[in-house]
Amino acid sequence: MPREDRIKPITYMKNRAAELVREVSETGDSVVITQNGEAKVVVMDMKAYNRWRHTMALLKILAHARGDVEAGRVVSQDDAFARAEASIDRAGEL
């Protein structure tokens, strides 16, 4: 849950867009924008957004990997490294 001072109504964003962008960029803190008292969007700086995207991508990979393990689609570590090395070798021949 964001701090109370990090929640702003949409009119704040409409009237102070440049100030809001500068504030978010400088502090790195995200701001929740509400409409009719309900949280609707989050404004965040690009560094935070990119960290979030990378985190979500990693979590998605982990979820797929967990499904593979549960389904028995696994190989030994030695086999995985041998396959990776063979793939690297093939790429180097191109």
C-alpha atoms as a PDB file:
ATOM      1  CA  MET A   1       0.000   0.000   0.000  1.00  0.00           C
ATOM      2  CA  PRO A   2       1.498   3.360  -0.996  1.00  0.00           C
ATOM      3  CA  ARG A   3       2.008   6.104   1.544  1.00  0.00           C
ATOM      4  CA  GLU A   4      -0.884   8.530   1.768  1.00  0.00           C
ATOM      5  CA  ASP A   5       1.213  11.385   0.340  1.00  0.00           C
ATOM      6  CA  ARG A   6       1.915   9.234  -2.763  1.00  0.00           C
ATOM      7  CA  ILE A   7      -1.788   9.056  -3.679  1.00  0.00           C
ATOM      8  CA  LYS A   8      -3.110  11.948  -5.758  1.00  0.00           C
ATOM      9  CA  PRO A   9      -6.432  12.676  -7.475  1.00  0.00           C
ATOM     10  CA  ILE A  10      -6.526  12.884 -11.257  1.00  0.00           C
ATOM     11  CA  THR A  11      -7.053  16.657 -11.045  1.00  0.00           C
ATOM     12  CA  TYR A  12      -3.608  16.930  -9.435  1.00  0.00           C
ATOM     13  CA  MET A  13      -2.124  15.169 -12.462  1.00  0.00           C
ATOM     14  CA  LYS A  14      -4.125  17.325 -14.883  1.00  0.00           C
ATOM     15  CA  ASN A  15      -3.075  20.592 -13.246  1.00  0.00           C
ATOM     16  CA  ARG A  16       0.519  19.699 -12.352  1.00  0.00           C
ATOM     17  CA  ALA A  17       1.698  17.156 -14.944  1.00  0.00           C
ATOM     18  CA  ALA A  18       5.181  18.628 -15.382  1.00  0.00           C
ATOM     19  CA  GLU A  19       5.665  18.934 -11.623  1.00  0.00           C
ATOM     20  CA  LEU A  20       4.479  15.358 -11.125  1.00  0.00           C
ATOM     21  CA  VAL A  21       6.879  14.016 -13.763  1.00  0.00           C
ATOM     22  CA  ARG A  22       9.789  15.951 -12.239  1.00  0.00           C
ATOM     23  CA  GLU A  23       8.925  14.747  -8.724  1.00  0.00           C
ATOM     24  CA  VAL A  24       8.642  11.096  -9.751  1.00  0.00           C
ATOM     25  CA  SER A  25      11.852  11.304 -11.786  1.00  0.00           C
ATOM     26  CA  GLU A  26      13.837  12.913  -8.977  1.00  0.00           C
ATOM     27  CA  THR A  27      12.587  10.780  -6.076  1.00  0.00           C
ATOM     28  CA  GLY A  28      12.067   7.472  -7.864  1.00  0.00           C
ATOM     29  CA  ASP A  29       8.852   7.082  -5.866  1.00  0.00           C
ATOM     30  CA  SER A  30       5.729   6.091  -7.759  1.00  0.00           C
ATOM     31  CA  VAL A  31       2.449   7.972  -7.381  1.00  0.00           C
ATOM     32  CA  VAL A  32      -1.007   6.407  -7.453  1.00  0.00           C
ATOM     33  CA  ILE A  33      -3.580   8.463  -9.364  1.00  0.00           C
ATOM     34  CA  THR A  34      -7.194   8.149  -8.309  1.00  0.00           C
ATOM     35  CA  GLN A  35     -10.390   8.867 -10.199  1.00  0.00           C
ATOM     36  CA  ASN A  36     -13.601   9.267  -8.220  1.00  0.00           C
ATOM     37  CA  GLY A  37     -11.735   8.025  -5.153  1.00  0.00           C
ATOM     38  CA  GLU A  38     -10.623   4.766  -6.802  1.00  0.00           C
ATOM     39  CA  ALA A  39      -7.001   3.979  -7.685  1.00  0.00           C
ATOM     40  CA  LYS A  40      -6.724   3.890 -11.488  1.00  0.00           C
ATOM     41  CA  VAL A  41      -3.088   4.275 -12.591  1.00  0.00           C
ATOM     42  CA  VAL A  42       0.445   4.440 -11.250  1.00  0.00           C
ATOM     43  CA  VAL A  43       2.995   6.986 -12.433  1.00  0.00           C
ATOM     44  CA  MET A  44       6.592   5.773 -12.081  1.00  0.00           C
ATOM     45  CA  ASP A  45       9.970   6.694 -13.483  1.00  0.00           C
ATOM     46  CA  MET A  46      11.533   4.644 -16.277  1.00  0.00           C
ATOM     47  CA  LYS A  47      14.182   3.013 -14.076  1.00  0.00           C
ATOM     48  CA  ALA A  48      11.519   1.684 -11.721  1.00  0.00           C
ATOM     49  CA  TYR A  49       9.333   0.607 -14.633  1.00  0.00           C
ATOM     50  CA  ASN A  50      12.202  -1.285 -16.284  1.00  0.00           C
ATOM     51  CA  ARG A  51      13.098  -2.988 -12.973  1.00  0.00           C
ATOM     52  CA  TRP A  52       9.450  -4.006 -12.625  1.00  0.00           C
ATOM     53  CA  ARG A  53       9.346  -5.393 -16.188  1.00  0.00           C
ATOM     54  CA  HIS A  54      12.539  -7.391 -15.683  1.00  0.00           C
ATOM     55  CA  THR A  55      11.239  -8.742 -12.378  1.00  0.00           C
ATOM     56  CA  MET A  56       7.972  -9.815 -13.998  1.00  0.00           C
ATOM     57  CA  ALA A  57       9.853 -11.501 -16.866  1.00  0.00           C
ATOM     58  CA  LEU A  58      12.006 -13.425 -14.392  1.00  0.00           C
ATOM     59  CA  LEU A  59       8.953 -14.500 -12.400  1.00  0.00           C
ATOM     60  CA  LYS A  60       7.291 -15.699 -15.610  1.00  0.00           C
ATOM     61  CA  ILE A  61      10.387 -17.763 -16.482  1.00  0.00           C
ATOM     62  CA  LEU A  62      10.398 -19.251 -12.988  1.00  0.00           C
ATOM     63  CA  ALA A  63       6.711 -20.141 -13.240  1.00  0.00           C
ATOM     64  CA  HIS A  64       7.313 -21.925 -16.559  1.00  0.00           C
ATOM     65  CA  ALA A  65      10.317 -23.726 -15.084  1.00  0.00           C
ATOM     66  CA  ARG A  66       8.266 -24.869 -12.111  1.00  0.00           C
ATOM     67  CA  GLY A  67       5.654 -26.261 -14.497  1.00  0.00           C
ATOM     68  CA  ASP A  68       8.381 -28.125 -16.393  1.00  0.00           C
ATOM     69  CA  VAL A  69       9.724 -29.623 -13.160  1.00  0.00           C
ATOM     70  CA  GLU A  70       6.257 -30.677 -12.023  1.00  0.00           C
ATOM     71  CA  ALA A  71       5.630 -32.290 -15.437  1.00  0.00           C
ATOM     72  CA  GLY A  72       8.948 -34.125 -15.297  1.00  0.00           C
ATOM     73  CA  ARG A  73      10.448 -32.197 -18.220  1.00  0.00           C
ATOM     74  CA  VAL A  74      13.948 -31.979 -16.752  1.00  0.00           C
ATOM     75  CA  VAL A  75      17.505 -32.924 -17.707  1.00  0.00           C
ATOM     76  CA  SER A  76      20.619 -33.363 -15.610  1.00  0.00           C
ATOM     77  CA  GLN A  77      22.939 -30.439 -15.041  1.00  0.00           C
ATOM     78  CA  ASP A  78      25.678 -32.142 -17.059  1.00  0.00           C
ATOM     79  CA  ASP A  79      23.310 -32.660 -19.987  1.00  0.00           C
ATOM     80  CA  ALA A  80      22.089 -29.053 -19.812  1.00  0.00           C
ATOM     81  CA  PHE A  81      25.645 -27.698 -19.920  1.00  0.00           C
ATOM     82  CA  ALA A  82      26.608 -30.057 -22.748  1.00  0.00           C
ATOM     83  CA  ARG A  83      23.599 -28.860 -24.764  1.00  0.00           C
ATOM     84  CA  ALA A  84      24.470 -25.221 -24.048  1.00  0.00           C
ATOM     85  CA  GLU A  85      28.086 -25.705 -25.086  1.00  0.00           C
ATOM     86  CA  ALA A  86      27.025 -27.474 -28.301  1.00  0.00           C
ATOM     87  CA  SER A  87      24.658 -24.614 -29.086  1.00  0.00           C
ATOM     88  CA  ILE A  88      27.412 -22.058 -28.500  1.00  0.00           C
ATOM     89  CA  ASP A  89      29.764 -24.043 -30.738  1.00  0.00           C
ATOM     90  CA  ARG A  90      27.144 -24.144 -33.515  1.00  0.00           C
ATOM     91  CA  ALA A  91      26.603 -20.389 -33.216  1.00  0.00           C
ATOM     92  CA  GLY A  92      30.333 -19.805 -33.501  1.00  0.00           C
ATOM     93  CA  GLU A  93      30.441 -21.735 -36.778  1.00  0.00           C
ATOM     94  CA  LEU A  94      27.992 -19.339 -38.439  1.00  0.00           C
END
